[in-house]
């Protein structure tokens, strides 16, 4: 009899314990949580921005740069960077090589050939084009918000930036890098040349 009582009491407790999320599950942040995360700028490390540019660095300033605006708070810079990142992420399309006209001219063979050709072109050129479009969209958006753009060496840029081509960056990594970019964008930095839009 006492075993039945233990079974009657123990079964619901066991069910509750197994249904409750573990501590690890409740502490995991979702992508939405990361997009709303407000880091403490005091806990972030300022990346190295000082370097002696060579001709190759200067030629690549359209790719490798950082933003800065005087009298801007960290929170405002992070908000601006997130806004522009969302725009840049959303404005990049998946396939730049459409095959719309091939079916009208060549029928089913044109559709199949166009699909194969489009997929090959996307694999070869698509990633580079998506990265370029994202950079252009980020530059335009941040320029519109009044930020100056300063050139940076590729190896220094890679420490706190990311590129997206045919693959995307995990939200945690993206938001951590955007936070460091916001730290740079809101800091009082030595005057360097504004390379413009």
Protein backbone atom coordinates (compact mmCIF):
# COMPACT_ATOMS: atom_id res chain seq x y z
CA UNK A 1 0.00 0.00 0.00
CA UNK A 2 2.75 2.44 0.87
CA UNK A 3 4.35 1.83 -2.54
CA UNK A 4 1.12 2.79 -4.32
CA UNK A 5 1.05 6.05 -2.34
CA UNK A 6 4.65 6.81 -3.35
CA UNK A 7 3.81 6.04 -6.97
CA UNK A 8 0.76 8.31 -6.88
CA UNK A 9 2.74 11.22 -5.41
CA UNK A 10 5.99 10.55 -7.25
CA UNK A 11 4.55 10.25 -10.76
CA UNK A 12 3.17 13.82 -10.94
CA UNK A 13 6.33 15.23 -9.39
CA UNK A 14 8.45 13.37 -11.92
CA UNK A 15 6.23 14.63 -14.75
CA UNK A 16 6.56 18.22 -13.52
CA UNK A 17 10.32 17.93 -13.20
CA UNK A 18 10.71 16.55 -16.71
CA UNK A 19 8.35 19.15 -18.20
CA UNK A 20 10.12 22.12 -16.59
CA UNK A 21 12.87 23.56 -18.77
CA UNK A 22 16.36 23.07 -17.53
CA UNK A 23 18.46 26.02 -16.38
CA UNK A 24 20.54 25.79 -19.55
CA UNK A 25 17.43 26.01 -21.73
CA UNK A 26 16.05 29.08 -19.97
CA UNK A 27 19.38 30.93 -20.18
CA UNK A 28 19.82 30.40 -23.92
CA UNK A 29 19.11 33.54 -25.88
CA UNK A 30 17.06 33.45 -29.05
CA UNK A 31 17.90 35.51 -32.14
CA UNK A 32 15.25 38.01 -31.05
CA UNK A 33 16.88 38.24 -27.61
CA UNK A 34 20.25 38.94 -29.22
CA UNK A 35 18.76 41.67 -31.43
CA UNK A 36 17.40 43.37 -28.28
CA UNK A 37 20.50 42.73 -26.16
CA UNK A 38 21.96 45.88 -24.58
CA UNK A 39 25.64 45.31 -23.83
CA UNK A 40 27.59 47.35 -21.33
CA UNK A 41 30.19 49.33 -23.32
CA UNK A 42 32.55 49.18 -20.33
CA UNK A 43 32.78 45.41 -20.83
CA UNK A 44 33.77 45.72 -24.51
CA UNK A 45 37.34 46.02 -25.75
CA UNK A 46 38.28 48.75 -28.18
CA UNK A 47 39.83 47.18 -31.27
CA UNK A 48 43.13 48.36 -32.71
CA UNK A 49 42.54 51.07 -35.30
CA UNK A 50 46.05 52.51 -35.69
CA UNK A 51 48.03 51.35 -38.70
CA UNK A 52 50.31 52.65 -41.43
CA UNK A 53 48.32 52.38 -44.66
CA UNK A 54 49.93 51.13 -47.84
CA UNK A 55 48.56 51.41 -51.39
CA UNK A 56 46.67 48.13 -51.06
CA UNK A 57 44.94 49.31 -47.87
CA UNK A 58 43.88 52.57 -49.50
CA UNK A 59 42.59 50.72 -52.57
CA UNK A 60 40.41 48.56 -50.31
CA UNK A 61 38.86 51.30 -48.18
CA UNK A 62 35.59 50.66 -50.01
CA UNK A 63 35.56 47.24 -48.30
CA UNK A 64 37.36 47.78 -45.00
CA UNK A 65 36.35 50.71 -42.84
CA UNK A 66 34.73 51.80 -39.61
CA UNK A 67 32.16 54.46 -38.79
CA UNK A 68 32.45 57.27 -36.27
CA UNK A 69 30.30 60.25 -35.30
CA UNK A 70 31.22 62.75 -32.63
CA UNK A 71 28.90 63.37 -29.70
CA UNK A 72 27.11 60.06 -30.19
CA UNK A 73 26.23 57.74 -27.33
CA UNK A 74 27.01 54.06 -27.48
CA UNK A 75 23.30 53.22 -27.33
CA UNK A 76 22.52 55.51 -30.25
CA UNK A 77 25.39 54.13 -32.32
CA UNK A 78 24.29 50.56 -31.62
CA UNK A 79 20.72 51.40 -32.57
CA UNK A 80 21.90 53.03 -35.82
CA UNK A 81 24.16 50.11 -36.70
CA UNK A 82 21.43 47.58 -36.00
CA UNK A 83 18.95 49.56 -38.10
CA UNK A 84 21.35 49.79 -41.03
CA UNK A 85 22.37 46.15 -40.64
CA UNK A 86 18.73 45.08 -40.83
CA UNK A 87 18.26 47.19 -43.96
CA UNK A 88 21.43 45.85 -45.55
CA UNK A 89 20.45 42.30 -44.64
CA UNK A 90 16.95 42.71 -46.04
CA UNK A 91 17.91 44.49 -49.24
CA UNK A 92 20.21 41.74 -50.48
CA UNK A 93 18.31 39.38 -52.74
CA UNK A 94 18.98 35.68 -53.04
CA UNK A 95 19.51 35.33 -56.77
CA UNK A 96 20.93 37.97 -59.09
CA UNK A 97 20.74 35.76 -62.17
CA UNK A 98 17.15 35.30 -63.15
CA UNK A 99 16.03 33.19 -66.07
CA UNK A 100 12.68 34.84 -66.76
CA UNK A 101 13.05 35.27 -70.51
CA UNK A 102 14.45 31.85 -71.28
CA UNK A 103 11.14 29.99 -70.97
CA UNK A 104 9.44 32.25 -73.50
CA UNK A 105 12.16 31.75 -76.08
CA UNK A 106 13.35 28.19 -75.51
CA UNK A 107 10.47 26.50 -73.68
CA UNK A 108 11.13 23.80 -71.09
CA UNK A 109 14.74 23.37 -72.21
CA UNK A 110 15.31 27.06 -71.63
CA UNK A 111 13.86 26.85 -68.14
CA UNK A 112 16.08 23.91 -67.21
CA UNK A 113 19.16 25.42 -68.85
CA UNK A 114 18.44 28.80 -67.30
CA UNK A 115 18.03 27.24 -63.87
CA UNK A 116 21.34 25.41 -64.19
CA UNK A 117 23.10 28.49 -65.55
CA UNK A 118 21.58 30.72 -62.87
CA UNK A 119 22.61 28.33 -60.11
CA UNK A 120 26.17 28.17 -61.46
CA UNK A 121 26.40 31.95 -61.77
CA UNK A 122 25.00 32.37 -58.26
CA UNK A 123 27.57 29.93 -56.88
CA UNK A 124 30.44 31.65 -58.70
CA UNK A 125 29.54 35.34 -58.48
CA UNK A 126 26.60 35.59 -56.09
CA UNK A 127 28.51 35.54 -52.81
CA UNK A 128 30.82 38.38 -53.83
CA UNK A 129 27.89 40.43 -55.13
CA UNK A 130 25.92 39.94 -51.92
CA UNK A 131 28.90 41.07 -49.85
CA UNK A 132 29.36 44.12 -52.09
CA UNK A 133 25.67 45.05 -51.90
CA UNK A 134 25.68 44.74 -48.11
CA UNK A 135 28.74 47.01 -47.85
CA UNK A 136 27.17 49.62 -50.14
CA UNK A 137 23.88 49.53 -48.23
CA UNK A 138 25.65 49.89 -44.88
CA UNK A 139 27.75 52.81 -46.16
CA UNK A 140 24.72 54.63 -47.56
CA UNK A 141 22.60 54.11 -44.47
CA UNK A 142 25.29 55.17 -42.00
CA UNK A 143 26.25 58.13 -44.21
CA UNK A 144 22.61 59.22 -44.19
CA UNK A 145 22.69 59.07 -40.38
CA UNK A 146 25.69 61.41 -40.32
CA UNK A 147 28.55 59.01 -39.62
CA UNK A 148 32.00 59.52 -41.11
CA UNK A 149 33.66 56.52 -42.69
CA UNK A 150 37.35 55.86 -42.07
CA UNK A 151 39.50 53.35 -43.90
CA UNK A 152 41.04 50.40 -42.11
CA UNK A 153 43.47 47.59 -42.90
CA UNK A 154 41.78 44.27 -43.69
CA UNK A 155 43.35 42.33 -40.81
CA UNK A 156 42.23 44.98 -38.29
CA UNK A 157 38.76 45.16 -39.86
CA UNK A 158 38.28 41.40 -39.56
CA UNK A 159 38.67 41.57 -35.77
CA UNK A 160 35.27 43.22 -35.29
CA UNK A 161 33.39 42.93 -38.58
CA UNK A 162 31.78 40.20 -40.62
CA UNK A 163 30.90 39.54 -44.23
CA UNK A 164 27.91 37.67 -45.52
CA UNK A 165 27.83 36.04 -48.90
CA UNK A 166 25.90 32.87 -49.59
CA UNK A 167 25.94 32.09 -45.87
CA UNK A 168 24.85 34.16 -42.91
CA UNK A 169 26.45 34.98 -39.58
CA UNK A 170 24.91 33.63 -36.37
CA UNK A 171 22.94 36.28 -34.50
CA UNK A 172 25.10 36.07 -31.36
CA UNK A 173 28.29 36.70 -33.34
CA UNK A 174 26.60 39.43 -35.40
CA UNK A 175 25.35 41.32 -32.35
CA UNK A 176 28.68 41.04 -30.53
CA UNK A 177 30.47 42.50 -33.54
CA UNK A 178 27.86 45.23 -33.98
CA UNK A 179 28.37 46.13 -30.31
CA UNK A 180 32.12 46.59 -30.85
CA UNK A 181 31.39 48.59 -34.01
CA UNK A 182 29.08 50.80 -31.91
CA UNK A 183 31.86 51.29 -29.38
CA UNK A 184 34.13 52.49 -32.19
CA UNK A 185 31.38 54.61 -33.76
CA UNK A 186 30.65 56.42 -30.50
CA UNK A 187 34.21 56.90 -29.21
CA UNK A 188 36.34 60.02 -29.41
CA UNK A 189 39.03 58.93 -31.84
CA UNK A 190 42.04 60.71 -33.29
CA UNK A 191 41.18 62.53 -36.48
CA UNK A 192 41.75 60.43 -39.58
CA UNK A 193 40.64 61.04 -43.13
CA UNK A 194 36.91 60.69 -43.76
CA UNK A 195 36.79 58.61 -46.95
CA UNK A 196 33.17 59.60 -47.53
CA UNK A 197 30.37 57.54 -48.95
